Amino acid sequence: MISAQEFKEEVRMLAKDVGVEPKEIHIREMKTKWASCSSRGRLTFDKSLLDEPREVRFQVILHELLHLKYPNHGKMFNVMLETYLEKYN
């Protein structure tokens, strides 16, 4: 398990690499999903992610950060997601 502060630092480090800047980063209990991204740049993550392995956290964080550039799951979003996943694996 990592701390909430360590998790937020992971988000900030990946955000810098992706070239985005989240306005807010929140961690709270979520009932139906692991994360969400608002149109205003607010990222919210489920607190259960703190217990997940780094690889799982990375994929969820990356997915939400890319939504700051690509708000839907269109072709460009998927291409960029695959590109970054390959880069870090």
N, C-alpha and C. Protein backbone atom coordinates (compact mmCIF):
# COMPACT_ATOMS: atom_id res chain seq x y z
N MET A 1 0.85 -1.19 0.00
CA MET A 1 0.00 0.00 0.00
C MET A 1 0.88 1.24 0.00
N ILE A 2 0.47 2.22 -0.80
CA ILE A 2 1.18 3.49 -0.78
C ILE A 2 0.26 4.53 -0.14
N SER A 3 0.85 5.63 0.26
CA SER A 3 0.06 6.70 0.88
C SER A 3 -0.63 7.52 -0.20
N ALA A 4 -1.63 8.27 0.22
CA ALA A 4 -2.34 9.15 -0.71
C ALA A 4 -1.38 10.17 -1.31
N GLN A 5 -0.46 10.66 -0.52
CA GLN A 5 0.51 11.64 -1.01
C GLN A 5 1.43 11.03 -2.06
N GLU A 6 1.88 9.80 -1.84
CA GLU A 6 2.72 9.12 -2.82
C GLU A 6 1.96 8.88 -4.12
N PHE A 7 0.69 8.50 -3.98
CA PHE A 7 -0.14 8.29 -5.16
C PHE A 7 -0.28 9.57 -5.96
N LYS A 8 -0.56 10.67 -5.29
CA LYS A 8 -0.71 11.95 -5.99
C LYS A 8 0.60 12.34 -6.68
N GLU A 9 1.72 12.00 -6.07
CA GLU A 9 3.01 12.29 -6.70
C GLU A 9 3.19 11.45 -7.97
N GLU A 10 2.73 10.19 -7.94
CA GLU A 10 2.75 9.37 -9.16
C GLU A 10 1.93 10.03 -10.25
N VAL A 11 0.76 10.54 -9.90
CA VAL A 11 -0.12 11.20 -10.87
C VAL A 11 0.60 12.41 -11.46
N ARG A 12 1.21 13.23 -10.61
CA ARG A 12 1.89 14.44 -11.10
C ARG A 12 3.07 14.10 -12.01
N MET A 13 3.82 13.07 -11.67
CA MET A 13 4.97 12.68 -12.49
C MET A 13 4.52 12.18 -13.86
N LEU A 14 3.48 11.35 -13.89
CA LEU A 14 2.97 10.87 -15.18
C LEU A 14 2.34 12.01 -15.97
N ALA A 15 1.67 12.92 -15.29
CA ALA A 15 1.05 14.06 -15.97
C ALA A 15 2.10 14.88 -16.69
N LYS A 16 3.23 15.07 -16.05
CA LYS A 16 4.32 15.84 -16.67
C LYS A 16 4.79 15.15 -17.94
N ASP A 17 4.92 13.83 -17.89
CA ASP A 17 5.37 13.07 -19.06
C ASP A 17 4.35 13.12 -20.19
N VAL A 18 3.07 13.06 -19.84
CA VAL A 18 2.00 13.10 -20.84
C VAL A 18 1.80 14.52 -21.39
N GLY A 19 2.22 15.51 -20.61
CA GLY A 19 2.08 16.90 -21.05
C GLY A 19 0.75 17.53 -20.69
N VAL A 20 0.20 17.09 -19.55
CA VAL A 20 -1.05 17.66 -19.07
C VAL A 20 -0.86 18.11 -17.62
N GLU A 21 -1.78 18.94 -17.16
CA GLU A 21 -1.72 19.41 -15.78
C GLU A 21 -3.11 19.35 -15.16
N PRO A 22 -3.35 18.31 -14.34
CA PRO A 22 -4.65 18.23 -13.69
C PRO A 22 -4.85 19.42 -12.75
N LYS A 23 -6.07 19.94 -12.73
CA LYS A 23 -6.38 21.07 -11.84
C LYS A 23 -6.48 20.61 -10.38
N GLU A 24 -7.07 19.42 -10.20
CA GLU A 24 -7.24 18.86 -8.86
C GLU A 24 -7.05 17.35 -8.94
N ILE A 25 -6.54 16.78 -7.86
CA ILE A 25 -6.41 15.33 -7.75
C ILE A 25 -7.05 14.93 -6.42
N HIS A 26 -8.07 14.08 -6.51
CA HIS A 26 -8.78 13.64 -5.30
C HIS A 26 -8.75 12.12 -5.19
N ILE A 27 -8.76 11.66 -3.96
CA ILE A 27 -8.84 10.23 -3.68
C ILE A 27 -9.99 10.04 -2.70
N ARG A 28 -10.94 9.20 -3.09
CA ARG A 28 -12.09 8.94 -2.22
C ARG A 28 -12.68 7.58 -2.58
N GLU A 29 -13.62 7.14 -1.80
CA GLU A 29 -14.29 5.89 -2.10
C GLU A 29 -15.25 6.10 -3.26
N MET A 30 -15.12 5.23 -4.26
CA MET A 30 -16.02 5.28 -5.41
C MET A 30 -16.70 3.92 -5.51
N LYS A 31 -17.98 3.91 -5.81
CA LYS A 31 -18.74 2.66 -5.78
C LYS A 31 -18.64 1.82 -7.04
N THR A 32 -18.59 2.45 -8.20
CA THR A 32 -18.71 1.68 -9.44
C THR A 32 -17.49 1.73 -10.36
N LYS A 33 -16.50 2.56 -10.08
CA LYS A 33 -15.34 2.65 -10.96
C LYS A 33 -14.10 3.04 -10.17
N TRP A 34 -12.96 2.93 -10.82
CA TRP A 34 -11.70 3.26 -10.16
C TRP A 34 -11.30 4.71 -10.29
N ALA A 35 -11.85 5.40 -11.29
CA ALA A 35 -11.42 6.78 -11.49
C ALA A 35 -12.39 7.52 -12.41
N SER A 36 -12.27 8.84 -12.37
CA SER A 36 -13.03 9.67 -13.30
C SER A 36 -12.26 10.96 -13.57
N CYS A 37 -12.61 11.60 -14.67
CA CYS A 37 -11.98 12.84 -15.08
C CYS A 37 -13.08 13.81 -15.49
N SER A 38 -13.11 14.97 -14.87
CA SER A 38 -14.13 15.95 -15.23
C SER A 38 -13.64 16.82 -16.38
N SER A 39 -14.56 17.49 -17.04
CA SER A 39 -14.20 18.37 -18.14
C SER A 39 -13.41 19.58 -17.67
N ARG A 40 -13.43 19.85 -16.38
CA ARG A 40 -12.67 20.97 -15.80
C ARG A 40 -11.27 20.57 -15.32
N GLY A 41 -10.90 19.31 -15.55
CA GLY A 41 -9.54 18.88 -15.20
C GLY A 41 -9.40 18.29 -13.80
N ARG A 42 -10.49 17.91 -13.20
CA ARG A 42 -10.45 17.30 -11.87
C ARG A 42 -10.37 15.78 -12.02
N LEU A 43 -9.34 15.18 -11.45
CA LEU A 43 -9.19 13.73 -11.46
C LEU A 43 -9.58 13.19 -10.09
N THR A 44 -10.41 12.16 -10.09
CA THR A 44 -10.82 11.51 -8.85
C THR A 44 -10.51 10.03 -8.97
N PHE A 45 -9.84 9.49 -7.95
CA PHE A 45 -9.44 8.09 -7.94
C PHE A 45 -10.03 7.40 -6.72
N ASP A 46 -10.39 6.14 -6.90
CA ASP A 46 -10.91 5.34 -5.80
C ASP A 46 -9.76 5.00 -4.86
N LYS A 47 -10.03 5.08 -3.57
CA LYS A 47 -8.96 4.86 -2.59
C LYS A 47 -8.44 3.42 -2.60
N SER A 48 -9.20 2.49 -3.17
CA SER A 48 -8.72 1.10 -3.25
C SER A 48 -7.50 0.97 -4.17
N LEU A 49 -7.29 1.95 -5.05
CA LEU A 49 -6.11 1.92 -5.93
C LEU A 49 -4.81 1.98 -5.14
N LEU A 50 -4.87 2.54 -3.94
CA LEU A 50 -3.67 2.64 -3.11
C LEU A 50 -3.14 1.25 -2.74
N ASP A 51 -4.00 0.26 -2.77
CA ASP A 51 -3.63 -1.12 -2.43
C ASP A 51 -3.24 -1.94 -3.65
N GLU A 52 -3.41 -1.41 -4.83
CA GLU A 52 -3.13 -2.15 -6.06
C GLU A 52 -1.64 -2.09 -6.41
N PRO A 53 -1.17 -3.07 -7.20
CA PRO A 53 0.22 -3.03 -7.66
C PRO A 53 0.47 -1.80 -8.54
N ARG A 54 1.71 -1.42 -8.62
CA ARG A 54 2.11 -0.23 -9.38
C ARG A 54 1.59 -0.27 -10.82
N GLU A 55 1.65 -1.44 -11.46
CA GLU A 55 1.22 -1.57 -12.86
C GLU A 55 -0.26 -1.23 -13.03
N VAL A 56 -1.07 -1.66 -12.10
CA VAL A 56 -2.51 -1.37 -12.15
C VAL A 56 -2.74 0.12 -11.93
N ARG A 57 -2.09 0.67 -10.91
CA ARG A 57 -2.22 2.12 -10.65
C ARG A 57 -1.81 2.91 -11.88
N PHE A 58 -0.70 2.53 -12.47
CA PHE A 58 -0.18 3.24 -13.64
C PHE A 58 -1.20 3.26 -14.77
N GLN A 59 -1.81 2.11 -15.07
CA GLN A 59 -2.77 2.04 -16.16
C GLN A 59 -3.99 2.93 -15.91
N VAL A 60 -4.48 2.91 -14.68
CA VAL A 60 -5.66 3.73 -14.35
C VAL A 60 -5.30 5.21 -14.41
N ILE A 61 -4.15 5.58 -13.83
CA ILE A 61 -3.72 6.98 -13.84
C ILE A 61 -3.53 7.46 -15.28
N LEU A 62 -2.84 6.67 -16.08
CA LEU A 62 -2.58 7.05 -17.46
C LEU A 62 -3.89 7.23 -18.24
N HIS A 63 -4.81 6.32 -18.04
CA HIS A 63 -6.11 6.40 -18.70
C HIS A 63 -6.79 7.74 -18.41
N GLU A 64 -6.82 8.12 -17.14
CA GLU A 64 -7.48 9.38 -16.77
C GLU A 64 -6.71 10.60 -17.25
N LEU A 65 -5.39 10.56 -17.18
CA LEU A 65 -4.61 11.70 -17.67
C LEU A 65 -4.83 11.93 -19.16
N LEU A 66 -4.93 10.86 -19.92
CA LEU A 66 -5.15 11.02 -21.36
C LEU A 66 -6.52 11.62 -21.65
N HIS A 67 -7.47 11.45 -20.75
CA HIS A 67 -8.77 12.09 -20.93
C HIS A 67 -8.69 13.61 -20.84
N LEU A 68 -7.63 14.13 -20.25
CA LEU A 68 -7.45 15.58 -20.22
C LEU A 68 -7.13 16.11 -21.62
N LYS A 69 -6.56 15.25 -22.47
CA LYS A 69 -6.28 15.62 -23.86
C LYS A 69 -7.38 15.14 -24.80
N TYR A 70 -7.87 13.94 -24.55
CA TYR A 70 -8.85 13.29 -25.42
C TYR A 70 -10.04 12.86 -24.56
N PRO A 71 -11.10 13.63 -24.54
CA PRO A 71 -12.21 13.38 -23.60
C PRO A 71 -13.03 12.13 -23.87
N ASN A 72 -12.85 11.50 -25.02
CA ASN A 72 -13.63 10.29 -25.29
C ASN A 72 -12.69 9.11 -25.51
N HIS A 73 -13.25 7.96 -25.83
CA HIS A 73 -12.45 6.77 -26.08
C HIS A 73 -12.29 6.52 -27.59
N GLY A 74 -12.06 7.59 -28.30
CA GLY A 74 -11.90 7.51 -29.75
C GLY A 74 -10.56 6.91 -30.16
N LYS A 75 -10.33 6.91 -31.46
CA LYS A 75 -9.14 6.29 -32.03
C LYS A 75 -7.86 6.91 -31.46
N MET A 76 -7.79 8.22 -31.42
CA MET A 76 -6.57 8.89 -30.94
C MET A 76 -6.30 8.55 -29.48
N PHE A 77 -7.35 8.54 -28.67
CA PHE A 77 -7.19 8.18 -27.26
C PHE A 77 -6.57 6.79 -27.15
N ASN A 78 -7.11 5.83 -27.89
CA ASN A 78 -6.62 4.45 -27.81
C ASN A 78 -5.20 4.31 -28.34
N VAL A 79 -4.87 5.04 -29.39
CA VAL A 79 -3.51 5.01 -29.93
C VAL A 79 -2.53 5.54 -28.88
N MET A 80 -2.86 6.66 -28.27
CA MET A 80 -1.98 7.25 -27.26
C MET A 80 -1.86 6.35 -26.03
N LEU A 81 -2.96 5.75 -25.61
CA LEU A 81 -2.93 4.84 -24.46
C LEU A 81 -1.97 3.68 -24.74
N GLU A 82 -2.10 3.06 -25.90
CA GLU A 82 -1.22 1.95 -26.26
C GLU A 82 0.24 2.39 -26.35
N THR A 83 0.46 3.58 -26.90
CA THR A 83 1.83 4.11 -27.03
C THR A 83 2.48 4.26 -25.66
N TYR A 84 1.78 4.87 -24.72
CA TYR A 84 2.34 5.07 -23.39
C TYR A 84 2.47 3.75 -22.63
N LEU A 85 1.53 2.84 -22.80
CA LEU A 85 1.64 1.54 -22.12
C LEU A 85 2.88 0.78 -22.62
N GLU A 86 3.13 0.84 -23.92
CA GLU A 86 4.32 0.19 -24.47
C GLU A 86 5.60 0.87 -23.99
N LYS A 87 5.56 2.18 -23.88
CA LYS A 87 6.74 2.95 -23.44
C LYS A 87 7.15 2.53 -22.04
N TYR A 88 6.21 2.27 -21.18
CA TYR A 88 6.54 1.98 -19.78
C TYR A 88 6.63 0.50 -19.46
N ASN A 89 6.37 -0.35 -20.42
CA ASN A 89 6.47 -1.81 -20.15
C ASN A 89 7.74 -2.39 -20.66
